[in-house]
Amino acid sequence: MIHFIKLNLVSIIYAFIALIPIQLIGNVYRINRLTGWKIATINTITAVVIIIEFIVGTILILTSFFIVIGINHLLLNQINLLNSFLHHQS
């Protein structure tokens, strides 16, 4: 069950990495109409947001990957300690 939750969390991060640029690029004229900004300004802001979002998304994915590895390593250590304790008791 934990693996299923982890997989879904990483999938959500990937979905947002794709969703944000698509929405920004697809709604340039709507943003222009609502804010009054020039198209070139919106395109520049969109490019900056995409770059920042790609960097932050990559960091989130890598961090979640290393957290999962750390949790798995910690659990394996605890199981090994418990097994060694049980074997010394018998």
N, C-alpha and C. Protein backbone atom coordinates (compact mmCIF):
# COMPACT_ATOMS: atom_id res chain seq x y z
N MET A 1 0.83 -1.20 0.00
CA MET A 1 0.00 0.00 0.00
C MET A 1 0.87 1.26 0.00
N ILE A 2 1.96 1.23 0.78
CA ILE A 2 2.85 2.39 0.83
C ILE A 2 3.46 2.64 -0.54
N HIS A 3 3.83 1.57 -1.24
CA HIS A 3 4.41 1.72 -2.57
C HIS A 3 3.40 2.39 -3.51
N PHE A 4 2.15 2.03 -3.40
CA PHE A 4 1.09 2.61 -4.23
C PHE A 4 0.96 4.12 -3.96
N ILE A 5 1.02 4.52 -2.70
CA ILE A 5 0.92 5.94 -2.34
C ILE A 5 2.13 6.71 -2.86
N LYS A 6 3.33 6.13 -2.70
CA LYS A 6 4.54 6.78 -3.19
C LYS A 6 4.48 6.96 -4.71
N LEU A 7 4.02 5.93 -5.39
CA LEU A 7 3.91 6.00 -6.84
C LEU A 7 2.93 7.09 -7.27
N ASN A 8 1.83 7.21 -6.57
CA ASN A 8 0.85 8.25 -6.89
C ASN A 8 1.38 9.65 -6.60
N LEU A 9 2.15 9.82 -5.53
CA LEU A 9 2.72 11.13 -5.24
C LEU A 9 3.72 11.56 -6.31
N VAL A 10 4.55 10.65 -6.74
CA VAL A 10 5.49 10.98 -7.82
C VAL A 10 4.73 11.27 -9.11
N SER A 11 3.67 10.55 -9.37
CA SER A 11 2.86 10.79 -10.57
C SER A 11 2.21 12.17 -10.53
N ILE A 12 1.77 12.59 -9.36
CA ILE A 12 1.18 13.93 -9.21
C ILE A 12 2.21 15.01 -9.49
N ILE A 13 3.43 14.81 -9.00
CA ILE A 13 4.50 15.78 -9.27
C ILE A 13 4.77 15.87 -10.77
N TYR A 14 4.87 14.71 -11.45
CA TYR A 14 5.06 14.71 -12.90
C TYR A 14 3.90 15.39 -13.62
N ALA A 15 2.69 15.18 -13.15
CA ALA A 15 1.53 15.80 -13.80
C ALA A 15 1.58 17.32 -13.70
N PHE A 16 1.97 17.84 -12.53
CA PHE A 16 2.07 19.29 -12.39
C PHE A 16 3.20 19.86 -13.22
N ILE A 17 4.28 19.09 -13.39
CA ILE A 17 5.38 19.55 -14.24
C ILE A 17 4.89 19.73 -15.68
N ALA A 18 3.98 18.91 -16.11
CA ALA A 18 3.44 19.04 -17.47
C ALA A 18 2.27 20.03 -17.54
N LEU A 19 1.45 20.08 -16.49
CA LEU A 19 0.23 20.89 -16.53
C LEU A 19 0.51 22.39 -16.53
N ILE A 20 1.42 22.83 -15.68
CA ILE A 20 1.65 24.28 -15.54
C ILE A 20 2.11 24.92 -16.85
N PRO A 21 3.14 24.37 -17.54
CA PRO A 21 3.52 25.00 -18.82
C PRO A 21 2.41 24.96 -19.87
N ILE A 22 1.68 23.86 -19.92
CA ILE A 22 0.61 23.75 -20.91
C ILE A 22 -0.44 24.83 -20.67
N GLN A 23 -0.81 25.04 -19.41
CA GLN A 23 -1.82 26.06 -19.10
C GLN A 23 -1.30 27.48 -19.39
N LEU A 24 -0.05 27.73 -19.04
CA LEU A 24 0.50 29.06 -19.29
C LEU A 24 0.62 29.35 -20.78
N ILE A 25 1.09 28.40 -21.54
CA ILE A 25 1.25 28.60 -22.99
C ILE A 25 -0.11 28.66 -23.67
N GLY A 26 -1.04 27.86 -23.22
CA GLY A 26 -2.35 27.81 -23.86
C GLY A 26 -3.25 29.00 -23.56
N ASN A 27 -2.96 29.72 -22.49
CA ASN A 27 -3.83 30.83 -22.08
C ASN A 27 -3.16 32.19 -22.18
N VAL A 28 -2.25 32.35 -23.13
CA VAL A 28 -1.54 33.63 -23.28
C VAL A 28 -2.51 34.77 -23.56
N TYR A 29 -3.43 34.57 -24.46
CA TYR A 29 -4.36 35.66 -24.81
C TYR A 29 -5.33 35.97 -23.67
N ARG A 30 -5.72 34.97 -22.91
CA ARG A 30 -6.59 35.20 -21.75
C ARG A 30 -5.84 35.99 -20.68
N ILE A 31 -4.58 35.63 -20.44
CA ILE A 31 -3.77 36.37 -19.47
C ILE A 31 -3.59 37.81 -19.95
N ASN A 32 -3.38 37.99 -21.25
CA ASN A 32 -3.24 39.32 -21.84
C ASN A 32 -4.51 40.13 -21.60
N ARG A 33 -5.64 39.54 -21.85
CA ARG A 33 -6.91 40.24 -21.70
C ARG A 33 -7.18 40.60 -20.24
N LEU A 34 -6.87 39.69 -19.31
CA LEU A 34 -7.17 39.94 -17.89
C LEU A 34 -6.20 40.91 -17.23
N THR A 35 -4.92 40.85 -17.62
CA THR A 35 -3.92 41.68 -16.94
C THR A 35 -3.55 42.93 -17.72
N GLY A 36 -3.72 42.91 -19.03
CA GLY A 36 -3.33 44.04 -19.85
C GLY A 36 -1.84 44.02 -20.20
N TRP A 37 -1.14 42.97 -19.84
CA TRP A 37 0.28 42.84 -20.17
C TRP A 37 0.44 42.55 -21.66
N LYS A 38 1.60 42.92 -22.20
CA LYS A 38 1.90 42.62 -23.59
C LYS A 38 2.18 41.12 -23.74
N ILE A 39 1.98 40.62 -24.96
CA ILE A 39 2.21 39.20 -25.23
C ILE A 39 3.67 38.83 -24.98
N ALA A 40 4.59 39.71 -25.36
CA ALA A 40 6.02 39.42 -25.16
C ALA A 40 6.34 39.29 -23.67
N THR A 41 5.72 40.13 -22.84
CA THR A 41 5.94 40.06 -21.39
C THR A 41 5.41 38.73 -20.84
N ILE A 42 4.25 38.36 -21.30
CA ILE A 42 3.65 37.09 -20.85
C ILE A 42 4.52 35.91 -21.28
N ASN A 43 5.03 35.95 -22.50
CA ASN A 43 5.90 34.87 -22.97
C ASN A 43 7.18 34.79 -22.15
N THR A 44 7.75 35.95 -21.80
CA THR A 44 8.96 35.97 -20.97
C THR A 44 8.67 35.40 -19.59
N ILE A 45 7.58 35.83 -18.97
CA ILE A 45 7.20 35.33 -17.65
C ILE A 45 6.93 33.83 -17.71
N THR A 46 6.27 33.39 -18.78
CA THR A 46 5.99 31.97 -18.95
C THR A 46 7.28 31.16 -19.05
N ALA A 47 8.25 31.66 -19.81
CA ALA A 47 9.53 30.96 -19.94
C ALA A 47 10.25 30.87 -18.60
N VAL A 48 10.24 31.95 -17.83
CA VAL A 48 10.88 31.95 -16.52
C VAL A 48 10.18 30.97 -15.58
N VAL A 49 8.85 30.99 -15.59
CA VAL A 49 8.08 30.07 -14.73
C VAL A 49 8.35 28.62 -15.12
N ILE A 50 8.43 28.34 -16.40
CA ILE A 50 8.69 26.97 -16.85
C ILE A 50 10.07 26.51 -16.38
N ILE A 51 11.07 27.36 -16.50
CA ILE A 51 12.42 27.00 -16.06
C ILE A 51 12.45 26.76 -14.56
N ILE A 52 11.86 27.67 -13.78
CA ILE A 52 11.83 27.51 -12.32
C ILE A 52 11.05 26.26 -11.94
N GLU A 53 9.93 26.04 -12.59
CA GLU A 53 9.09 24.88 -12.28
C GLU A 53 9.80 23.58 -12.62
N PHE A 54 10.56 23.56 -13.71
CA PHE A 54 11.30 22.37 -14.08
C PHE A 54 12.39 22.07 -13.05
N ILE A 55 13.09 23.10 -12.58
CA ILE A 55 14.13 22.90 -11.57
C ILE A 55 13.53 22.43 -10.25
N VAL A 56 12.48 23.10 -9.80
CA VAL A 56 11.84 22.73 -8.53
C VAL A 56 11.22 21.33 -8.63
N GLY A 57 10.60 21.03 -9.74
CA GLY A 57 10.00 19.70 -9.93
C GLY A 57 11.05 18.60 -9.91
N THR A 58 12.19 18.87 -10.55
CA THR A 58 13.28 17.89 -10.53
C THR A 58 13.80 17.69 -9.13
N ILE A 59 13.95 18.77 -8.37
CA ILE A 59 14.40 18.67 -6.99
C ILE A 59 13.40 17.88 -6.16
N LEU A 60 12.11 18.13 -6.35
CA LEU A 60 11.09 17.39 -5.61
C LEU A 60 11.12 15.89 -5.94
N ILE A 61 11.28 15.58 -7.21
CA ILE A 61 11.31 14.17 -7.60
C ILE A 61 12.55 13.49 -7.03
N LEU A 62 13.71 14.15 -7.15
CA LEU A 62 14.94 13.56 -6.60
C LEU A 62 14.87 13.44 -5.09
N THR A 63 14.31 14.45 -4.43
CA THR A 63 14.19 14.41 -2.98
C THR A 63 13.27 13.28 -2.56
N SER A 64 12.14 13.14 -3.24
CA SER A 64 11.23 12.06 -2.88
C SER A 64 11.88 10.70 -3.13
N PHE A 65 12.70 10.61 -4.18
CA PHE A 65 13.40 9.36 -4.46
C PHE A 65 14.38 9.03 -3.33
N PHE A 66 15.15 10.04 -2.88
CA PHE A 66 16.12 9.78 -1.82
C PHE A 66 15.45 9.55 -0.48
N ILE A 67 14.32 10.19 -0.24
CA ILE A 67 13.58 9.94 1.00
C ILE A 67 13.07 8.50 1.02
N VAL A 68 12.56 8.03 -0.12
CA VAL A 68 12.07 6.64 -0.20
C VAL A 68 13.22 5.67 0.05
N ILE A 69 14.39 5.95 -0.55
CA ILE A 69 15.55 5.08 -0.33
C ILE A 69 15.94 5.10 1.14
N GLY A 70 15.94 6.29 1.75
CA GLY A 70 16.30 6.39 3.17
C GLY A 70 15.33 5.65 4.07
N ILE A 71 14.05 5.76 3.78
CA ILE A 71 13.04 5.06 4.59
C ILE A 71 13.20 3.55 4.44
N ASN A 72 13.40 3.10 3.20
CA ASN A 72 13.60 1.66 2.99
C ASN A 72 14.85 1.17 3.70
N HIS A 73 15.93 1.94 3.64
CA HIS A 73 17.17 1.56 4.32
C HIS A 73 16.97 1.51 5.83
N LEU A 74 16.26 2.49 6.37
CA LEU A 74 15.99 2.52 7.80
C LEU A 74 15.15 1.32 8.23
N LEU A 75 14.14 0.99 7.45
CA LEU A 75 13.29 -0.16 7.78
C LEU A 75 14.08 -1.47 7.72
N LEU A 76 14.94 -1.60 6.71
CA LEU A 76 15.76 -2.81 6.62
C LEU A 76 16.71 -2.92 7.81
N ASN A 77 17.29 -1.80 8.26
CA ASN A 77 18.15 -1.82 9.44
C ASN A 77 17.37 -2.26 10.67
N GLN A 78 16.16 -1.75 10.82
CA GLN A 78 15.35 -2.11 11.98
C GLN A 78 15.00 -3.59 11.95
N ILE A 79 14.69 -4.11 10.79
CA ILE A 79 14.36 -5.54 10.67
C ILE A 79 15.58 -6.38 10.98
N ASN A 80 16.75 -5.97 10.48
CA ASN A 80 17.98 -6.72 10.77
C ASN A 80 18.31 -6.70 12.25
N LEU A 81 18.13 -5.54 12.91
CA LEU A 81 18.38 -5.47 14.34
C LEU A 81 17.42 -6.37 15.11
N LEU A 82 16.17 -6.37 14.71
CA LEU A 82 15.18 -7.21 15.38
C LEU A 82 15.51 -8.69 15.18
N ASN A 83 15.90 -9.06 13.96
CA ASN A 83 16.28 -10.45 13.70
C ASN A 83 17.49 -10.87 14.51
N SER A 84 18.49 -10.01 14.58
CA SER A 84 19.68 -10.37 15.36
C SER A 84 19.34 -10.47 16.85
N PHE A 85 18.47 -9.60 17.33
CA PHE A 85 18.06 -9.66 18.73
C PHE A 85 17.30 -10.95 19.01
N LEU A 86 16.41 -11.33 18.12
CA LEU A 86 15.64 -12.56 18.30
C LEU A 86 16.53 -13.81 18.24
N HIS A 87 17.53 -13.81 17.38
CA HIS A 87 18.43 -14.95 17.27
C HIS A 87 19.32 -15.07 18.51
N HIS A 88 19.69 -13.94 19.12
CA HIS A 88 20.51 -14.00 20.34
C HIS A 88 19.69 -14.46 21.55
N GLN A 89 18.39 -14.20 21.49
CA GLN A 89 17.51 -14.61 22.60
C GLN A 89 17.31 -16.12 22.62
N SER A 90 17.31 -16.76 21.46
CA SER A 90 17.03 -18.20 21.41
C SER A 90 18.29 -19.05 21.47
